[in-house]
Amino acid sequence: MKLQRRFNLLKIKDMTQKFAKKHNIKYFETIPIEAYVQINRVLGKY
């Protein structure tokens, strides 16, 4: 089951990168804790 999830994440990563490129959206990868920090910064602006 764990391997299947990892495979799905790799497929989604590729799809996300292509979507970002197509729509001229900045794409970058980060670790989970940094993602939470970034999300909280954005939400804190509202």
C-alpha atoms as a PDB file:
ATOM      1  CA  MET A   1       0.000   0.000   0.000  1.00  0.00           C
ATOM      2  CA  LYS A   2       2.789   2.427   0.882  1.00  0.00           C
ATOM      3  CA  LEU A   3       4.519   1.865  -2.469  1.00  0.00           C
ATOM      4  CA  GLN A   4       1.237   2.533  -4.288  1.00  0.00           C
ATOM      5  CA  ARG A   5       0.842   5.881  -2.515  1.00  0.00           C
ATOM      6  CA  ARG A   6       4.392   6.860  -3.428  1.00  0.00           C
ATOM      7  CA  PHE A   7       3.749   5.975  -7.062  1.00  0.00           C
ATOM      8  CA  ASN A   8       0.616   8.128  -7.066  1.00  0.00           C
ATOM      9  CA  LEU A   9       2.567  11.041  -5.598  1.00  0.00           C
ATOM     10  CA  LEU A  10       5.107  10.781  -8.393  1.00  0.00           C
ATOM     11  CA  LYS A  11       2.328  10.836 -11.006  1.00  0.00           C
ATOM     12  CA  ILE A  12       0.684  13.831  -9.375  1.00  0.00           C
ATOM     13  CA  LYS A  13       4.025  15.630  -9.152  1.00  0.00           C
ATOM     14  CA  ASP A  14       4.500  15.298 -12.906  1.00  0.00           C
ATOM     15  CA  MET A  15       0.925  16.428 -13.594  1.00  0.00           C
ATOM     16  CA  THR A  16       1.333  19.408 -11.283  1.00  0.00           C
ATOM     17  CA  GLN A  17       4.591  20.490 -12.890  1.00  0.00           C
ATOM     18  CA  LYS A  18       3.032  20.320 -16.357  1.00  0.00           C
ATOM     19  CA  PHE A  19      -0.034  22.263 -15.201  1.00  0.00           C
ATOM     20  CA  ALA A  20       2.128  24.958 -13.619  1.00  0.00           C
ATOM     21  CA  LYS A  21       4.245  25.292 -16.748  1.00  0.00           C
ATOM     22  CA  LYS A  22       1.190  25.453 -19.015  1.00  0.00           C
ATOM     23  CA  HIS A  23      -0.411  28.203 -16.907  1.00  0.00           C
ATOM     24  CA  ASN A  24       2.837  30.060 -16.177  1.00  0.00           C
ATOM     25  CA  ILE A  25       2.620  29.361 -12.436  1.00  0.00           C
ATOM     26  CA  LYS A  26       5.769  29.197 -10.342  1.00  0.00           C
ATOM     27  CA  TYR A  27       6.382  25.612  -9.179  1.00  0.00           C
ATOM     28  CA  PHE A  28       8.759  24.576  -6.433  1.00  0.00           C
ATOM     29  CA  GLU A  29       9.161  21.669  -4.068  1.00  0.00           C
ATOM     30  CA  THR A  30       9.536  21.930  -0.333  1.00  0.00           C
ATOM     31  CA  ILE A  31       9.463  19.791   2.782  1.00  0.00           C
ATOM     32  CA  PRO A  32       6.125  19.372   4.601  1.00  0.00           C
ATOM     33  CA  ILE A  33       6.950  21.629   7.566  1.00  0.00           C
ATOM     34  CA  GLU A  34       8.016  24.458   5.263  1.00  0.00           C
ATOM     35  CA  ALA A  35       4.793  24.022   3.289  1.00  0.00           C
ATOM     36  CA  TYR A  36       2.780  24.494   6.497  1.00  0.00           C
ATOM     37  CA  VAL A  37       4.755  27.649   7.292  1.00  0.00           C
ATOM     38  CA  GLN A  38       4.117  29.036   3.809  1.00  0.00           C
ATOM     39  CA  ILE A  39       0.396  28.257   3.981  1.00  0.00           C
ATOM     40  CA  ASN A  40       0.080  29.918   7.386  1.00  0.00           C
ATOM     41  CA  ARG A  41       1.865  33.036   6.114  1.00  0.00           C
ATOM     42  CA  VAL A  42      -0.569  33.368   3.235  1.00  0.00           C
ATOM     43  CA  LEU A  43      -3.610  32.673   5.387  1.00  0.00           C
ATOM     44  CA  GLY A  44      -2.374  35.163   7.980  1.00  0.00           C
ATOM     45  CA  LYS A  45      -2.666  37.928   5.382  1.00  0.00           C
ATOM     46  CA  TYR A  46      -6.451  37.481   5.221  1.00  0.00           C
END
